[in-house]
C-alpha atoms as a PDB file:
ATOM      1  CA  MET A   1     -29.806 -40.129-133.570  1.00  0.00           C
ATOM      2  CA  ALA A   2     -29.082 -36.600-132.434  1.00  0.00           C
ATOM      3  CA  ALA A   3     -26.539 -36.177-135.214  1.00  0.00           C
ATOM      4  CA  GLU A   4     -29.264 -36.107-137.880  1.00  0.00           C
ATOM      5  CA  TRP A   5     -30.686 -32.976-136.284  1.00  0.00           C
ATOM      6  CA  GLU A   6     -27.385 -31.115-136.253  1.00  0.00           C
ATOM      7  CA  ASP A   7     -27.092 -27.982-138.347  1.00  0.00           C
ATOM      8  CA  ASP A   8     -23.928 -27.941-140.451  1.00  0.00           C
ATOM      9  CA  SER A   9     -24.047 -24.201-141.046  1.00  0.00           C
ATOM     10  CA  SER A  10     -21.489 -22.116-139.222  1.00  0.00           C
ATOM     11  CA  LEU A  11     -21.653 -18.442-138.284  1.00  0.00           C
ATOM     12  CA  LEU A  12     -18.337 -16.601-138.346  1.00  0.00           C
ATOM     13  CA  ALA A  13     -17.878 -12.951-137.438  1.00  0.00           C
ATOM     14  CA  VAL A  14     -14.511 -11.354-138.196  1.00  0.00           C
ATOM     15  CA  LEU A  15     -13.382  -8.241-136.327  1.00  0.00           C
ATOM     16  CA  LEU A  16     -10.523  -6.383-138.024  1.00  0.00           C
ATOM     17  CA  ASP A  17      -8.663  -3.599-136.216  1.00  0.00           C
ATOM     18  CA  VAL A  18      -8.309  -0.603-138.543  1.00  0.00           C
ATOM     19  CA  SER A  19      -7.605   2.040-135.901  1.00  0.00           C
ATOM     20  CA  PRO A  20      -4.767   4.533-136.539  1.00  0.00           C
ATOM     21  CA  THR A  21      -2.592   2.773-133.968  1.00  0.00           C
ATOM     22  CA  GLY A  22      -3.421  -0.638-135.411  1.00  0.00           C
ATOM     23  CA  LEU A  23      -2.603   0.467-138.952  1.00  0.00           C
ATOM     24  CA  ALA A  24       0.700   1.950-137.774  1.00  0.00           C
ATOM     25  CA  HIS A  25       1.724  -1.295-136.104  1.00  0.00           C
ATOM     26  CA  LEU A  26       0.573  -3.272-139.131  1.00  0.00           C
ATOM     27  CA  ALA A  27       2.737  -1.154-141.434  1.00  0.00           C
ATOM     28  CA  ALA A  28       5.726  -1.883-139.201  1.00  0.00           C
ATOM     29  CA  ILE A  29       5.476  -5.653-139.849  1.00  0.00           C
ATOM     30  CA  PRO A  30       8.031  -6.573-142.545  1.00  0.00           C
ATOM     31  CA  GLY A  31       6.492  -8.121-145.628  1.00  0.00           C
ATOM     32  CA  LEU A  32       2.875  -7.739-144.582  1.00  0.00           C
ATOM     33  CA  GLY A  33       1.242  -4.315-144.808  1.00  0.00           C
ATOM     34  CA  LEU A  34      -2.409  -3.411-145.137  1.00  0.00           C
ATOM     35  CA  GLN A  35      -2.922  -4.445-148.777  1.00  0.00           C
ATOM     36  CA  SER A  36      -1.346  -7.848-148.231  1.00  0.00           C
ATOM     37  CA  LEU A  37      -3.450  -8.358-145.102  1.00  0.00           C
ATOM     38  CA  LEU A  38      -6.666  -7.633-146.994  1.00  0.00           C
ATOM     39  CA  GLU A  39      -5.726  -9.968-149.849  1.00  0.00           C
ATOM     40  CA  GLN A  40      -4.859 -12.836-147.510  1.00  0.00           C
ATOM     41  CA  LEU A  41      -7.933 -12.246-145.369  1.00  0.00           C
ATOM     42  CA  LEU A  42     -10.102 -12.325-148.490  1.00  0.00           C
ATOM     43  CA  THR A  43      -8.610 -15.698-149.444  1.00  0.00           C
ATOM     44  CA  PHE A  44      -9.520 -17.068-146.023  1.00  0.00           C
ATOM     45  CA  LEU A  45     -13.062 -15.674-146.149  1.00  0.00           C
ATOM     46  CA  ASN A  46     -13.632 -17.192-149.581  1.00  0.00           C
ATOM     47  CA  ALA A  47     -12.345 -20.541-148.323  1.00  0.00           C
ATOM     48  CA  PHE A  48     -14.731 -20.375-145.377  1.00  0.00           C
ATOM     49  CA  THR A  49     -17.740 -19.668-147.569  1.00  0.00           C
ATOM     50  CA  LEU A  50     -16.785 -22.546-149.887  1.00  0.00           C
ATOM     51  CA  LEU A  51     -16.786 -25.063-147.033  1.00  0.00           C
ATOM     52  CA  SER A  52     -20.580 -24.997-146.952  1.00  0.00           C
ATOM     53  CA  ASP A  53     -23.311 -23.145-148.829  1.00  0.00           C
ATOM     54  CA  ALA A  54     -25.051 -22.659-145.493  1.00  0.00           C
ATOM     55  CA  ASN A  55     -22.123 -20.874-143.845  1.00  0.00           C
ATOM     56  CA  ARG A  56     -22.864 -17.336-142.730  1.00  0.00           C
ATOM     57  CA  LEU A  57     -20.271 -14.594-142.597  1.00  0.00           C
ATOM     58  CA  ALA A  58     -20.089 -11.092-141.144  1.00  0.00           C
ATOM     59  CA  VAL A  59     -17.049  -8.807-141.320  1.00  0.00           C
ATOM     60  CA  PHE A  60     -16.691  -5.894-138.897  1.00  0.00           C
ATOM     61  CA  THR A  61     -14.001  -3.245-138.661  1.00  0.00           C
ATOM     62  CA  ALA A  62     -13.054  -1.620-135.366  1.00  0.00           C
ATOM     63  CA  GLY A  63     -11.521   1.829-135.360  1.00  0.00           C
ATOM     64  CA  ALA A  64     -10.929   4.658-132.954  1.00  0.00           C
ATOM     65  CA  GLY A  65     -14.405   5.999-133.655  1.00  0.00           C
ATOM     66  CA  GLY A  66     -16.362   2.778-133.268  1.00  0.00           C
ATOM     67  CA  CYS A  67     -17.291  -0.450-135.019  1.00  0.00           C
ATOM     68  CA  GLN A  68     -18.730  -0.775-138.530  1.00  0.00           C
ATOM     69  CA  LEU A  69     -20.273  -3.664-140.441  1.00  0.00           C
ATOM     70  CA  ALA A  70     -18.320  -3.977-143.695  1.00  0.00           C
ATOM     71  CA  PHE A  71     -20.046  -7.075-145.091  1.00  0.00           C
ATOM     72  CA  CYS A  72     -22.534  -9.751-144.111  1.00  0.00           C
ATOM     73  CA  SER A  73     -24.052 -12.733-145.899  1.00  0.00           C
ATOM     74  CA  PRO A  74     -27.551 -12.308-147.347  1.00  0.00           C
ATOM     75  CA  SER A  75     -28.994 -14.548-144.624  1.00  0.00           C
ATOM     76  CA  CYS A  76     -27.464 -12.259-141.980  1.00  0.00           C
ATOM     77  CA  GLN A  77     -29.126  -9.107-143.274  1.00  0.00           C
ATOM     78  CA  PRO A  78     -30.976  -7.161-140.560  1.00  0.00           C
ATOM     79  CA  ALA A  79     -34.707  -7.838-140.373  1.00  0.00           C
ATOM     80  CA  PRO A  80     -35.787  -4.385-141.704  1.00  0.00           C
ATOM     81  CA  LEU A  81     -33.734  -4.914-144.862  1.00  0.00           C
ATOM     82  CA  MET A  82     -35.180  -8.371-145.367  1.00  0.00           C
ATOM     83  CA  ALA A  83     -38.720  -7.036-144.888  1.00  0.00           C
ATOM     84  CA  ALA A  84     -38.057  -4.292-147.446  1.00  0.00           C
ATOM     85  CA  ALA A  85     -36.927  -6.982-149.893  1.00  0.00           C
ATOM     86  CA  GLY A  86     -40.152  -8.932-149.447  1.00  0.00           C
ATOM     87  CA  GLY A  87     -38.931 -11.267-146.730  1.00  0.00           C
ATOM     88  CA  HIS A  88     -35.881 -12.526-148.574  1.00  0.00           C
ATOM     89  CA  VAL A  89     -32.628 -11.266-150.014  1.00  0.00           C
ATOM     90  CA  ALA A  90     -31.394 -12.265-153.441  1.00  0.00           C
ATOM     91  CA  ALA A  91     -28.412 -14.578-153.267  1.00  0.00           C
ATOM     92  CA  ASP A  92     -25.079 -13.000-154.118  1.00  0.00           C
ATOM     93  CA  PRO A  93     -22.452 -14.778-156.252  1.00  0.00           C
ATOM     94  CA  TRP A  94     -20.727 -17.294-154.001  1.00  0.00           C
ATOM     95  CA  PRO A  95     -18.086 -16.801-152.788  1.00  0.00           C
ATOM     96  CA  PRO A  96     -18.857 -13.058-152.646  1.00  0.00           C
ATOM     97  CA  SER A  97     -15.294 -11.845-153.257  1.00  0.00           C
ATOM     98  CA  ALA A  98     -16.262  -8.536-154.819  1.00  0.00           C
ATOM     99  CA  ALA A  99     -18.771  -7.654-152.105  1.00  0.00           C
ATOM    100  CA  ILE A 100     -16.375  -8.444-149.260  1.00  0.00           C
ATOM    101  CA  LEU A 101     -13.454  -6.636-150.885  1.00  0.00           C
ATOM    102  CA  SER A 102     -15.451  -3.514-151.708  1.00  0.00           C
ATOM    103  CA  GLY A 103     -16.863  -3.331-148.194  1.00  0.00           C
ATOM    104  CA  LEU A 104     -13.457  -3.755-146.601  1.00  0.00           C
ATOM    105  CA  GLN A 105     -11.749  -1.294-148.913  1.00  0.00           C
ATOM    106  CA  ARG A 106     -14.387   1.344-148.255  1.00  0.00           C
ATOM    107  CA  VAL A 107     -14.060   1.108-144.472  1.00  0.00           C
ATOM    108  CA  VAL A 108     -10.272   0.769-144.524  1.00  0.00           C
ATOM    109  CA  GLN A 109      -9.904   3.815-146.744  1.00  0.00           C
ATOM    110  CA  GLN A 110     -11.951   5.799-144.251  1.00  0.00           C
ATOM    111  CA  ALA A 111      -9.748   4.514-141.432  1.00  0.00           C
ATOM    112  CA  ALA A 112      -6.557   5.353-143.319  1.00  0.00           C
ATOM    113  CA  ALA A 113      -7.834   8.867-143.965  1.00  0.00           C
ATOM    114  CA  ALA A 114      -8.648   9.250-140.267  1.00  0.00           C
ATOM    115  CA  ALA A 115      -5.159   8.027-139.373  1.00  0.00           C
ATOM    116  CA  GLU A 116      -3.603  10.583-141.703  1.00  0.00           C
ATOM    117  CA  VAL A 117      -5.683  13.368-140.177  1.00  0.00           C
ATOM    118  CA  ALA A 118      -4.681  12.204-136.707  1.00  0.00           C
ATOM    119  CA  GLY A 119      -1.022  12.400-137.720  1.00  0.00           C
ATOM    120  CA  VAL A 120      -0.339   8.682-137.213  1.00  0.00           C
ATOM    121  CA  GLN A 121       2.167   7.596-139.842  1.00  0.00           C
ATOM    122  CA  PRO A 122       3.413   4.053-140.500  1.00  0.00           C
ATOM    123  CA  GLY A 123       6.916   2.796-139.918  1.00  0.00           C
ATOM    124  CA  ALA A 124       8.969   4.979-137.611  1.00  0.00           C
ATOM    125  CA  ALA A 125       5.914   6.493-135.912  1.00  0.00           C
ATOM    126  CA  ALA A 126       4.569   3.106-134.814  1.00  0.00           C
ATOM    127  CA  ALA A 127       6.426   3.270-131.511  1.00  0.00           C
ATOM    128  CA  ALA A 128       5.078   6.736-130.812  1.00  0.00           C
ATOM    129  CA  ALA A 129       1.570   5.568-131.636  1.00  0.00           C
ATOM    130  CA  ALA A 130       1.980   2.617-129.293  1.00  0.00           C
ATOM    131  CA  ALA A 131       3.113   4.875-126.481  1.00  0.00           C
ATOM    132  CA  ALA A 132       0.135   7.164-127.002  1.00  0.00           C
ATOM    133  CA  ALA A 133      -2.215   4.194-126.984  1.00  0.00           C
ATOM    134  CA  ALA A 134      -0.699   2.800-123.798  1.00  0.00           C
ATOM    135  CA  HIS A 135      -1.163   6.033-121.889  1.00  0.00           C
ATOM    136  CA  GLY A 136      -4.377   7.498-123.142  1.00  0.00           C
ATOM    137  CA  GLY A 137      -5.823   5.136-125.721  1.00  0.00           C
ATOM    138  CA  GLY A 138      -6.112   7.933-128.293  1.00  0.00           C
ATOM    139  CA  GLY A 139      -6.256   6.565-131.829  1.00  0.00           C
ATOM    140  CA  SER A 140      -6.547   2.997-130.560  1.00  0.00           C
ATOM    141  CA  CYS A 141      -9.194   0.418-131.307  1.00  0.00           C
ATOM    142  CA  GLN A 142     -12.253   0.637-129.072  1.00  0.00           C
ATOM    143  CA  LEU A 143     -12.118  -3.112-128.521  1.00  0.00           C
ATOM    144  CA  SER A 144     -14.656  -3.262-125.701  1.00  0.00           C
ATOM    145  CA  SER A 145     -17.415  -1.523-127.650  1.00  0.00           C
ATOM    146  CA  ALA A 146     -16.527  -3.427-130.834  1.00  0.00           C
ATOM    147  CA  LEU A 147     -16.786  -6.779-129.070  1.00  0.00           C
ATOM    148  CA  SER A 148     -20.126  -5.765-127.563  1.00  0.00           C
ATOM    149  CA  ARG A 149     -21.582  -4.840-130.949  1.00  0.00           C
ATOM    150  CA  VAL A 150     -20.390  -8.015-132.655  1.00  0.00           C
ATOM    151  CA  LEU A 151     -21.708 -10.164-129.802  1.00  0.00           C
ATOM    152  CA  CYS A 152     -25.106  -8.459-130.071  1.00  0.00           C
ATOM    153  CA  PHE A 153     -25.098  -9.199-133.812  1.00  0.00           C
ATOM    154  CA  ILE A 154     -24.228 -12.863-133.230  1.00  0.00           C
ATOM    155  CA  HIS A 155     -26.865 -13.180-130.528  1.00  0.00           C
ATOM    156  CA  SER A 156     -29.554 -11.820-132.855  1.00  0.00           C
ATOM    157  CA  MET A 157     -28.480 -14.319-135.538  1.00  0.00           C
ATOM    158  CA  GLN A 158     -28.632 -17.181-133.037  1.00  0.00           C
ATOM    159  CA  ARG A 159     -32.133 -16.240-131.944  1.00  0.00           C
ATOM    160  CA  ARG A 160     -33.301 -15.914-135.536  1.00  0.00           C
ATOM    161  CA  ALA A 161     -31.827 -19.300-136.492  1.00  0.00           C
ATOM    162  CA  ALA A 162     -33.258 -20.992-133.398  1.00  0.00           C
ATOM    163  CA  ALA A 163     -36.697 -19.541-134.108  1.00  0.00           C
ATOM    164  CA  ALA A 164     -36.543 -20.619-137.761  1.00  0.00           C
ATOM    165  CA  GLN A 165     -35.539 -24.179-136.943  1.00  0.00           C
ATOM    166  CA  GLY A 166     -38.093 -24.354-134.169  1.00  0.00           C
ATOM    167  CA  SER A 167     -40.880 -23.365-136.575  1.00  0.00           C
ATOM    168  CA  LEU A 168     -39.707 -25.853-139.201  1.00  0.00           C
ATOM    169  CA  LEU A 169     -39.582 -28.758-136.742  1.00  0.00           C
ATOM    170  CA  GLY A 170     -42.476 -27.658-134.576  1.00  0.00           C
ATOM    171  CA  GLY A 171     -44.960 -29.968-136.247  1.00  0.00           C
ATOM    172  CA  SER A 172     -42.672 -33.015-136.381  1.00  0.00           C
ATOM    173  CA  GLY A 173     -42.633 -35.669-133.717  1.00  0.00           C
ATOM    174  CA  GLY A 174     -39.900 -37.974-132.554  1.00  0.00           C
ATOM    175  CA  GLY A 175     -38.590 -35.905-129.682  1.00  0.00           C
ATOM    176  CA  ALA A 176     -36.285 -33.579-131.621  1.00  0.00           C
ATOM    177  CA  PRO A 177     -33.717 -31.843-129.422  1.00  0.00           C
ATOM    178  CA  PRO A 178     -34.130 -28.112-128.695  1.00  0.00           C
ATOM    179  CA  ALA A 179     -33.121 -25.821-131.543  1.00  0.00           C
ATOM    180  CA  ALA A 180     -30.357 -24.199-129.482  1.00  0.00           C
ATOM    181  CA  GLU A 181     -28.633 -27.585-129.145  1.00  0.00           C
ATOM    182  CA  ARG A 182     -28.655 -28.219-132.904  1.00  0.00           C
ATOM    183  CA  LEU A 183     -26.975 -24.969-133.866  1.00  0.00           C
ATOM    184  CA  GLN A 184     -23.242 -24.749-134.378  1.00  0.00           C
ATOM    185  CA  PRO A 185     -21.535 -22.547-131.767  1.00  0.00           C
ATOM    186  CA  ALA A 186     -20.888 -19.163-133.357  1.00  0.00           C
ATOM    187  CA  ARG A 187     -17.325 -17.880-133.643  1.00  0.00           C
ATOM    188  CA  LEU A 188     -15.721 -14.470-133.461  1.00  0.00           C
ATOM    189  CA  LEU A 189     -12.253 -14.021-134.978  1.00  0.00           C
ATOM    190  CA  CYS A 190     -10.294 -10.944-133.874  1.00  0.00           C
ATOM    191  CA  LEU A 191      -7.442  -9.719-136.068  1.00  0.00           C
ATOM    192  CA  THR A 192      -5.325  -6.991-134.504  1.00  0.00           C
ATOM    193  CA  ALA A 193      -1.772  -5.685-134.439  1.00  0.00           C
ATOM    194  CA  ALA A 194      -2.104  -3.003-131.762  1.00  0.00           C
ATOM    195  CA  PRO A 195      -1.305  -3.516-128.066  1.00  0.00           C
ATOM    196  CA  ASP A 196      -3.948  -3.664-125.338  1.00  0.00           C
ATOM    197  CA  VAL A 197      -5.339  -0.457-123.856  1.00  0.00           C
ATOM    198  CA  PRO A 198      -5.473  -0.990-120.070  1.00  0.00           C
ATOM    199  CA  SER A 199      -8.326   1.486-119.577  1.00  0.00           C
ATOM    200  CA  GLN A 200     -10.593  -0.869-121.571  1.00  0.00           C
ATOM    201  CA  TYR A 201      -9.902  -3.819-119.287  1.00  0.00           C
ATOM    202  CA  ILE A 202     -13.277  -3.893-117.515  1.00  0.00           C
ATOM    203  CA  GLY A 203     -15.319  -3.454-120.695  1.00  0.00           C
ATOM    204  CA  VAL A 204     -13.368  -6.147-122.535  1.00  0.00           C
ATOM    205  CA  MET A 205     -13.691  -8.616-119.664  1.00  0.00           C
ATOM    206  CA  ASN A 206     -17.442  -8.010-119.451  1.00  0.00           C
ATOM    207  CA  ALA A 207     -17.713  -8.780-123.173  1.00  0.00           C
ATOM    208  CA  ILE A 208     -15.637 -11.937-122.720  1.00  0.00           C
ATOM    209  CA  PHE A 209     -17.858 -13.177-119.895  1.00  0.00           C
ATOM    210  CA  SER A 210     -20.929 -12.451-122.017  1.00  0.00           C
ATOM    211  CA  ALA A 211     -19.496 -14.513-124.887  1.00  0.00           C
ATOM    212  CA  GLN A 212     -18.625 -17.325-122.492  1.00  0.00           C
ATOM    213  CA  ARG A 213     -22.162 -17.406-121.115  1.00  0.00           C
ATOM    214  CA  SER A 214     -23.656 -17.382-124.623  1.00  0.00           C
ATOM    215  CA  GLY A 215     -21.417 -20.196-125.861  1.00  0.00           C
ATOM    216  CA  ILE A 216     -19.645 -18.028-128.437  1.00  0.00           C
ATOM    217  CA  LEU A 217     -16.041 -18.949-129.244  1.00  0.00           C
ATOM    218  CA  ILE A 218     -13.586 -16.068-129.521  1.00  0.00           C
ATOM    219  CA  ASP A 219     -10.545 -16.747-131.691  1.00  0.00           C
ATOM    220  CA  ALA A 220      -7.692 -14.288-131.837  1.00  0.00           C
ATOM    221  CA  CYS A 221      -4.818 -13.698-134.224  1.00  0.00           C
ATOM    222  CA  GLN A 222      -2.341 -11.172-132.848  1.00  0.00           C
ATOM    223  CA  LEU A 223      -0.043  -9.774-135.527  1.00  0.00           C
ATOM    224  CA  GLY A 224       1.830  -7.167-133.471  1.00  0.00           C
ATOM    225  CA  ALA A 225       5.180  -7.417-131.770  1.00  0.00           C
ATOM    226  CA  GLY A 226       3.853  -8.388-128.341  1.00  0.00           C
ATOM    227  CA  HIS A 227       1.114 -10.634-127.016  1.00  0.00           C
ATOM    228  CA  SER A 228      -2.371  -9.441-126.123  1.00  0.00           C
ATOM    229  CA  SER A 229      -3.409 -10.526-122.635  1.00  0.00           C
ATOM    230  CA  PHE A 230      -6.993  -9.447-123.426  1.00  0.00           C
ATOM    231  CA  LEU A 231      -7.262 -11.775-126.405  1.00  0.00           C
ATOM    232  CA  GLN A 232      -5.412 -14.564-124.616  1.00  0.00           C
ATOM    233  CA  GLN A 233      -8.002 -14.503-121.855  1.00  0.00           C
ATOM    234  CA  ALA A 234     -10.832 -14.233-124.372  1.00  0.00           C
ATOM    235  CA  ALA A 235      -9.718 -17.365-126.236  1.00  0.00           C
ATOM    236  CA  TYR A 236      -9.007 -19.311-123.035  1.00  0.00           C
ATOM    237  CA  LEU A 237     -12.299 -18.514-121.302  1.00  0.00           C
ATOM    238  CA  THR A 238     -14.535 -19.091-124.343  1.00  0.00           C
ATOM    239  CA  GLY A 239     -12.807 -22.201-125.693  1.00  0.00           C
ATOM    240  CA  GLY A 240     -11.364 -20.487-128.737  1.00  0.00           C
ATOM    241  CA  THR A 241      -7.847 -20.397-130.143  1.00  0.00           C
ATOM    242  CA  TYR A 242      -5.229 -17.706-129.643  1.00  0.00           C
ATOM    243  CA  LEU A 243      -2.417 -17.509-132.178  1.00  0.00           C
ATOM    244  CA  LYS A 244       0.523 -15.193-132.650  1.00  0.00           C
ATOM    245  CA  PRO A 245       1.961 -16.192-136.051  1.00  0.00           C
ATOM    246  CA  ALA A 246       5.698 -16.665-136.158  1.00  0.00           C
ATOM    247  CA  ARG A 247       5.632 -15.455-139.781  1.00  0.00           C
ATOM    248  CA  PRO A 248       2.782 -12.970-140.261  1.00  0.00           C
ATOM    249  CA  GLN A 249       3.712 -12.702-143.940  1.00  0.00           C
ATOM    250  CA  ALA A 250       2.175 -16.178-144.444  1.00  0.00           C
ATOM    251  CA  LEU A 251      -1.103 -15.195-142.807  1.00  0.00           C
ATOM    252  CA  THR A 252      -3.272 -17.170-145.239  1.00  0.00           C
ATOM    253  CA  GLN A 253      -1.755 -20.463-144.174  1.00  0.00           C
ATOM    254  CA  TYR A 254      -2.345 -19.715-140.494  1.00  0.00           C
ATOM    255  CA  LEU A 255      -5.934 -18.616-141.055  1.00  0.00           C
ATOM    256  CA  ASN A 256      -6.901 -21.610-143.189  1.00  0.00           C
ATOM    257  CA  SER A 257      -5.185 -24.235-141.036  1.00  0.00           C
ATOM    258  CA  VAL A 258      -6.186 -22.893-137.605  1.00  0.00           C
ATOM    259  CA  PHE A 259      -9.339 -20.794-137.864  1.00  0.00           C
ATOM    260  CA  ALA A 260     -11.304 -22.291-140.772  1.00  0.00           C
ATOM    261  CA  ALA A 261     -12.616 -25.338-138.880  1.00  0.00           C
ATOM    262  CA  ASP A 262     -15.937 -24.988-137.069  1.00  0.00           C
ATOM    263  CA  ALA A 263     -16.439 -25.750-133.393  1.00  0.00           C
ATOM    264  CA  ARG A 264     -17.485 -29.388-133.890  1.00  0.00           C
ATOM    265  CA  SER A 265     -14.647 -30.189-136.296  1.00  0.00           C
ATOM    266  CA  ARG A 266     -12.071 -28.889-133.833  1.00  0.00           C
ATOM    267  CA  ARG A 267     -12.731 -31.865-131.589  1.00  0.00           C
ATOM    268  CA  TYR A 268     -10.844 -33.976-134.120  1.00  0.00           C
ATOM    269  CA  LEU A 269      -7.992 -31.540-134.744  1.00  0.00           C
ATOM    270  CA  ARG A 270      -4.883 -30.709-132.784  1.00  0.00           C
ATOM    271  CA  LEU A 271      -4.799 -26.939-132.895  1.00  0.00           C
ATOM    272  CA  PRO A 272      -2.024 -24.788-131.419  1.00  0.00           C
ATOM    273  CA  GLY A 273      -2.629 -23.859-127.805  1.00  0.00           C
ATOM    274  CA  THR A 274      -1.373 -21.071-125.598  1.00  0.00           C
ATOM    275  CA  ALA A 275       1.292 -22.377-123.255  1.00  0.00           C
ATOM    276  CA  ARG A 276       0.800 -19.556-120.766  1.00  0.00           C
ATOM    277  CA  VAL A 277      -2.092 -17.148-120.427  1.00  0.00           C
ATOM    278  CA  ASP A 278      -1.417 -13.859-118.700  1.00  0.00           C
ATOM    279  CA  PHE A 279      -4.379 -13.314-116.381  1.00  0.00           C
ATOM    280  CA  ARG A 280      -2.866 -10.265-114.713  1.00  0.00           C
ATOM    281  CA  ALA A 281      -4.731  -6.988-114.880  1.00  0.00           C
ATOM    282  CA  SER A 282      -3.041  -3.730-115.848  1.00  0.00           C
ATOM    283  CA  CYS A 283      -3.088  -0.811-113.464  1.00  0.00           C
ATOM    284  CA  PHE A 284      -4.789   2.348-114.667  1.00  0.00           C
ATOM    285  CA  CYS A 285      -2.105   4.636-113.286  1.00  0.00           C
ATOM    286  CA  HIS A 286       1.088   3.307-114.903  1.00  0.00           C
ATOM    287  CA  LYS A 287      -0.425   1.000-117.559  1.00  0.00           C
ATOM    288  CA  ARG A 288       1.578  -2.063-116.549  1.00  0.00           C
ATOM    289  CA  PRO A 289       0.570  -5.576-115.445  1.00  0.00           C
ATOM    290  CA  ILE A 290       0.450  -6.085-111.688  1.00  0.00           C
ATOM    291  CA  ASP A 291       0.163  -9.087-109.396  1.00  0.00           C
ATOM    292  CA  LEU A 292      -1.347  -7.212-106.443  1.00  0.00           C
ATOM    293  CA  GLY A 293      -3.207  -3.917-106.554  1.00  0.00           C
ATOM    294  CA  PHE A 294      -5.971  -1.679-105.224  1.00  0.00           C
ATOM    295  CA  VAL A 295      -9.469  -1.663-106.738  1.00  0.00           C
ATOM    296  CA  CYS A 296     -11.931   1.225-106.698  1.00  0.00           C
ATOM    297  CA  SER A 297     -15.192   0.046-105.129  1.00  0.00           C
ATOM    298  CA  ALA A 298     -17.246   2.307-107.413  1.00  0.00           C
ATOM    299  CA  CYS A 299     -15.910   1.761-110.951  1.00  0.00           C
ATOM    300  CA  LEU A 300     -13.523  -1.189-110.355  1.00  0.00           C
ATOM    301  CA  SER A 301     -10.495   0.668-111.681  1.00  0.00           C
ATOM    302  CA  ILE A 302      -7.225  -0.973-110.687  1.00  0.00           C
ATOM    303  CA  PHE A 303      -4.198   0.835-109.251  1.00  0.00           C
ATOM    304  CA  CYS A 304      -0.790  -0.372-108.191  1.00  0.00           C
ATOM    305  CA  GLN A 305      -0.589   2.036-105.248  1.00  0.00           C
ATOM    306  CA  GLN A 306      -2.862   3.674-102.699  1.00  0.00           C
ATOM    307  CA  LEU A 307      -4.446   6.896-103.895  1.00  0.00           C
ATOM    308  CA  PRO A 308      -6.581   9.475-102.078  1.00  0.00           C
ATOM    309  CA  ALA A 309      -9.201   9.338-104.846  1.00  0.00           C
ATOM    310  CA  CYS A 310      -9.976   7.310-107.941  1.00  0.00           C
ATOM    311  CA  THR A 311      -8.531   8.973-111.025  1.00  0.00           C
ATOM    312  CA  THR A 312     -11.222   7.368-113.200  1.00  0.00           C
ATOM    313  CA  CYS A 313     -14.508   8.231-111.477  1.00  0.00           C
ATOM    314  CA  GLY A 314     -13.327  10.667-108.780  1.00  0.00           C
ATOM    315  CA  THR A 315     -14.529   8.619-105.815  1.00  0.00           C
ATOM    316  CA  GLU A 316     -12.698   9.643-102.649  1.00  0.00           C
ATOM    317  CA  PHE A 317     -11.315   6.821-100.557  1.00  0.00           C
ATOM    318  CA  GLY A 318     -11.946   7.021 -96.830  1.00  0.00           C
ATOM    319  CA  ALA A 319      -9.624   5.900 -94.069  1.00  0.00           C
ATOM    320  CA  GLY A 320     -11.240   2.490 -94.014  1.00  0.00           C
ATOM    321  CA  ASP A 321     -10.736   2.073 -97.744  1.00  0.00           C
ATOM    322  CA  LYS A 322      -6.990   2.590 -97.459  1.00  0.00           C
ATOM    323  CA  LYS A 323      -6.407  -0.293 -95.095  1.00  0.00           C
END
């Protein structure tokens, strides 16, 4: 009986890394490149929107300067825009290929221009960009702040949908289940090629715990050379899927076969799982994973050796703190 109250619509937010470091690593992947990535991502987004007319989509880009909303479905428009349009937004052609592509191209062009100004070039400079990101995070994706913004967006959509369904069913009897139980769990898909930035560890973990508490699934597709322990933990803790494609050139096939299904449909599918999740934290001093370390009691920065003071917040450690 509860099945008749279920909402078949699915909310998907896509977070694409367009930071200078991310673009440099993406250019180093043979046979892929930025243009091919956008074309294959657009195919996946169109396929998702065709699965159901009620599906809602939002595409964000994360760069070194912050997170931007490149496209969102008409039903996901912010409330002020909907009020300005008389309480509703005219439906776009579905699937909205042109709108998604124009939004992505605009933001990506801005990111590419910023990468050129920053002196980050594709190909041979990818290793240098990775080294700079590992030590200082300059030119890297601000993943922690990007995740926080996307999660806030999803949370606002969940509250709006729950309120709308509650008002529609408020006058009906029969013991309908709460609106929050009828909604499909929202999903966040992260697409990145850059390595993790250890200094963002605490912010990223806080965002992951927030998503876990809110019932939001975080999927991750890592296109770079190495694995991302941040995204591995995000997928594991929230019930999402982490994937590192063996052939990134065939990205469309991976996206459609692994990440297109909604949360309820995944119960009937055998999706690829992560054999081993790296739960180790990275020290802030040498930027490497550690099994045992020292934690600052003020800002929770992690170090692999005893220090007289925290290099992050400046807190001085007393004699009792060093034991």
